[in-house]
Protein backbone atom coordinates (compact mmCIF):
# COMPACT_ATOMS: atom_id res chain seq x y z
CA MET A 1 215.47 100.38 68.10
CA ALA A 2 212.59 101.65 70.24
CA VAL A 3 209.66 102.78 68.14
CA LYS A 4 206.93 104.18 70.37
CA LYS A 5 203.18 104.53 69.75
CA ILE A 6 202.21 108.08 68.82
CA LEU A 7 199.37 109.32 70.95
CA THR A 8 196.39 110.89 69.18
CA ILE A 9 193.96 113.61 70.16
CA ASN A 10 190.88 111.38 70.14
CA ARG A 11 192.09 109.46 73.23
CA HIS A 12 194.87 111.64 74.72
CA GLU A 13 193.77 115.25 74.25
CA LYS A 14 194.26 116.18 77.93
CA LEU A 15 197.87 114.94 77.91
CA LEU A 16 198.62 116.51 74.51
CA ARG A 17 197.35 119.82 75.84
CA SER A 18 199.56 119.67 78.97
CA LYS A 19 202.73 121.74 79.33
CA SER A 20 205.93 119.79 79.37
CA GLU A 21 208.48 119.99 82.18
CA PRO A 22 212.13 121.12 81.67
CA VAL A 23 214.84 118.51 81.68
CA ARG A 24 216.86 119.10 84.90
CA LYS A 25 219.80 116.86 83.98
CA ILE A 26 220.73 114.87 80.90
CA THR A 27 220.58 111.33 82.28
CA LYS A 28 220.61 107.91 80.68
CA GLN A 29 216.82 108.08 80.64
CA VAL A 30 216.83 111.39 78.74
CA LYS A 31 219.27 109.98 76.18
CA GLN A 32 216.98 106.95 75.78
CA LEU A 33 214.03 109.28 75.29
CA ALA A 34 215.97 111.06 72.56
CA GLU A 35 216.65 107.75 70.86
CA ASP A 36 213.02 106.76 71.12
CA ILE A 37 211.98 110.07 69.49
CA ARG A 38 214.51 109.63 66.72
CA ASP A 39 213.49 105.99 66.06
CA THR A 40 209.80 106.84 66.09
CA ILE A 41 210.22 109.66 63.58
CA MET A 42 212.16 107.46 61.19
CA ALA A 43 209.59 104.66 61.46
CA ASN A 44 206.70 106.96 60.53
CA PRO A 45 205.92 109.53 57.85
CA ALA A 46 207.02 112.24 60.26
CA VAL A 47 209.49 115.10 60.10
CA GLY A 48 209.17 116.10 63.78
CA LEU A 49 207.96 114.62 67.07
CA ALA A 50 207.75 115.92 70.64
CA ALA A 51 208.22 113.78 73.74
CA VAL A 52 204.61 114.42 74.84
CA GLN A 53 203.42 112.70 71.66
CA ILE A 54 204.87 109.44 73.00
CA GLY A 55 203.53 110.12 76.50
CA VAL A 56 206.51 111.83 78.15
CA LEU A 57 205.96 115.36 79.50
CA GLN A 58 209.51 116.61 79.10
CA ARG A 59 210.75 119.47 76.99
CA VAL A 60 212.39 117.40 74.26
CA PHE A 61 211.62 117.08 70.57
CA GLY A 62 213.20 115.83 67.40
CA ALA A 63 213.10 117.41 63.96
CA ARG A 64 214.46 116.55 60.51
CA ILE A 65 216.21 119.78 59.65
CA GLY A 66 216.59 120.32 55.89
CA TYR A 67 213.96 117.69 55.04
CA TYR A 68 212.02 120.21 52.94
CA THR A 69 213.36 122.62 50.37
CA PRO A 70 212.46 126.35 50.70
CA GLU A 71 209.64 125.65 48.20
CA GLY A 72 208.12 123.01 50.47
CA GLU A 73 209.27 120.03 48.39
CA VAL A 74 211.01 117.00 49.89
CA CYS A 75 214.75 117.37 49.46
CA GLU A 76 216.63 115.17 47.00
CA GLN A 77 218.13 112.94 49.66
CA PRO A 78 215.61 112.92 52.56
CA GLN A 79 217.31 109.91 54.14
CA GLN A 80 220.20 112.21 55.04
CA ALA A 81 217.97 114.54 57.03
CA LEU A 82 218.29 112.56 60.24
CA PRO A 83 216.31 113.78 63.27
CA GLN A 84 218.10 116.35 65.36
CA ILE A 85 217.27 116.40 69.08
CA PHE A 86 216.36 119.60 70.94
CA ILE A 87 216.37 119.57 74.71
CA ASN A 88 214.91 122.48 76.69
CA PRO A 89 214.57 124.63 73.55
CA GLU A 90 214.03 128.39 74.04
CA ILE A 91 212.74 130.85 71.45
CA VAL A 92 215.25 133.68 71.36
CA ALA A 93 213.56 135.63 68.57
CA VAL A 94 211.05 135.29 65.77
CA SER A 95 210.69 137.34 62.62
CA GLU A 96 207.94 139.90 62.30
CA GLU A 97 207.20 138.51 58.87
CA THR A 98 204.90 135.53 58.87
CA VAL A 99 203.86 132.98 56.25
CA ARG A 100 200.56 131.18 55.82
CA ASP A 101 201.17 127.56 54.88
CA PHE A 102 200.46 123.88 55.47
CA ASP A 103 200.33 122.43 59.02
CA ALA A 104 199.56 118.87 60.10
CA CYS A 105 200.33 116.53 62.99
CA MET A 106 200.77 112.79 63.61
CA SER A 107 198.67 113.23 66.76
CA ILE A 108 195.74 114.65 64.75
CA PRO A 109 195.34 112.08 61.98
CA GLY A 110 193.10 112.79 59.03
CA MET A 111 193.31 116.59 59.31
CA MET A 112 195.48 119.41 58.06
CA GLY A 113 195.19 123.19 57.94
CA TYR A 114 196.81 126.48 57.08
CA THR A 115 198.46 128.47 59.83
CA GLN A 116 200.35 131.76 60.06
CA ARG A 117 203.84 131.19 61.49
CA ALA A 118 206.97 133.30 61.71
CA LYS A 119 209.16 133.09 58.62
CA SER A 120 212.23 132.59 60.80
CA VAL A 121 213.00 131.64 64.40
CA THR A 122 216.13 131.70 66.53
CA LEU A 123 216.32 128.83 68.98
CA ARG A 124 218.65 128.07 71.89
CA TRP A 125 218.81 124.45 73.10
CA LEU A 126 220.85 121.57 74.51
CA ASP A 127 221.90 118.46 72.58
CA GLU A 128 222.14 114.96 74.02
CA GLN A 129 225.64 115.57 75.28
CA GLY A 130 224.59 118.74 77.14
CA ALA A 131 226.25 121.15 74.69
CA ARG A 132 224.48 124.45 74.17
CA HIS A 133 223.45 125.63 70.71
CA GLU A 134 221.88 128.73 69.20
CA GLU A 135 220.85 128.96 65.59
CA THR A 136 218.40 130.78 63.34
CA PHE A 137 216.15 128.68 61.10
CA SER A 138 213.91 129.87 58.27
CA GLY A 139 211.26 128.57 55.87
CA TRP A 140 209.94 125.08 56.43
CA ASP A 141 212.49 124.37 59.18
CA ALA A 142 211.22 127.36 61.17
CA ARG A 143 207.57 126.26 60.63
CA MET A 144 208.37 122.73 61.79
CA LEU A 145 210.34 123.86 64.83
CA LEU A 146 207.62 126.27 65.92
CA HIS A 147 205.06 123.44 65.54
CA GLU A 148 207.15 121.14 67.77
CA TYR A 149 207.80 123.91 70.31
CA ASP A 150 204.00 124.42 70.54
CA HIS A 151 203.67 120.77 71.59
CA LEU A 152 205.92 121.51 74.61
CA GLU A 153 203.49 124.31 75.55
CA GLY A 154 200.45 122.09 75.13
CA VAL A 155 199.40 123.93 71.98
CA LEU A 156 198.08 122.11 68.90
CA PHE A 157 197.99 123.49 65.34
CA LEU A 158 194.21 123.42 65.62
CA ASP A 159 194.53 126.24 68.12
CA ARG A 160 196.30 128.44 65.56
CA LEU A 161 193.69 128.54 62.78
CA PRO A 162 190.01 129.42 62.22
CA LEU A 163 187.71 126.53 61.23
CA GLU A 164 187.64 128.00 57.72
CA ASP A 165 191.28 127.00 57.33
CA LEU A 166 190.88 123.42 58.66
CA TYR A 167 190.64 120.48 56.21
CA VAL A 168 189.71 116.81 56.57
CA TYR A 169 191.09 114.06 54.37
CA VAL A 170 188.18 112.34 52.60
CA ARG A 171 188.32 109.37 50.27
CA GLY A 172 186.53 110.04 46.98
CA GLU A 173 184.71 107.61 44.70
CA ASP A 174 187.90 107.09 42.74
CA GLY A 175 189.53 105.78 45.92
CA LYS A 176 191.91 108.75 46.23
CA THR A 177 192.14 110.77 49.40
CA ARG A 178 191.79 114.55 49.14
CA PRO A 179 191.56 117.38 51.70
CA MET A 180 188.05 118.88 51.98
CA PRO A 181 187.12 121.92 54.04
CA TYR A 182 186.08 120.83 57.57
CA LEU A 183 183.01 123.08 57.57
CA GLU A 184 181.86 121.64 54.24
CA VAL A 185 182.24 118.08 55.50
CA MET A 186 180.31 118.97 58.67
CA ARG A 187 177.47 120.57 56.67
CA GLU A 188 177.17 117.45 54.44
CA ALA A 189 177.18 115.21 57.53
CA GLU A 190 174.48 117.27 59.19
CA ALA A 191 172.36 117.24 56.05
CA LYS A 192 172.54 113.48 55.82
CA ALA A 193 171.75 113.05 59.55
CA THR A 194 168.73 115.36 59.48
CA PRO A 195 165.56 113.37 58.62
CA LYS A 196 163.38 114.92 55.92
CA LEU A 197 159.89 116.05 56.90
CA SER A 198 157.00 114.24 55.28
CA GLY A 199 156.14 115.83 51.95
CA GLU A 200 159.58 117.45 51.72
CA ALA A 201 161.34 116.93 48.41
């Protein structure tokens, strides 16, 4: 088992915003990379992970297809949704219809947001044995796959939403963590940091 450290934007933004290189040949190293991605997904609360997130700029990612139901709930047997590996994925087609929903990333801890993504996507890719596949995915699977594909292009979910749709996880007085609007958190922080003028209530 080779669980890798997931790189985060606070220290590795330049790398995470870099475009990944195509895999020229499926070698022993590429197969090991696929295993590392799979192991790292399973060892974390993650449903998808791109190679760049563990420091490798190659067009490979893993995703747990079928992990979420169409309603966005975790499926009854999530342990059966093992990570599937996508090598050199290509987007063949996306639906014109889009859906606004939840987006988050292991490389951007403490934040989430709402993005518009295509309701369905058709992907073409290679598996670890070099076999070619083409399939259409919809719902949460499509959202997750488009998120991971973005990573290969150096695009983060932050780039796909206005600040009004970005949220920060904040711990309340009851000890529970809740998402709060990023702009609201920033306004509160600025208010606390601004010294009051003498005589000001």
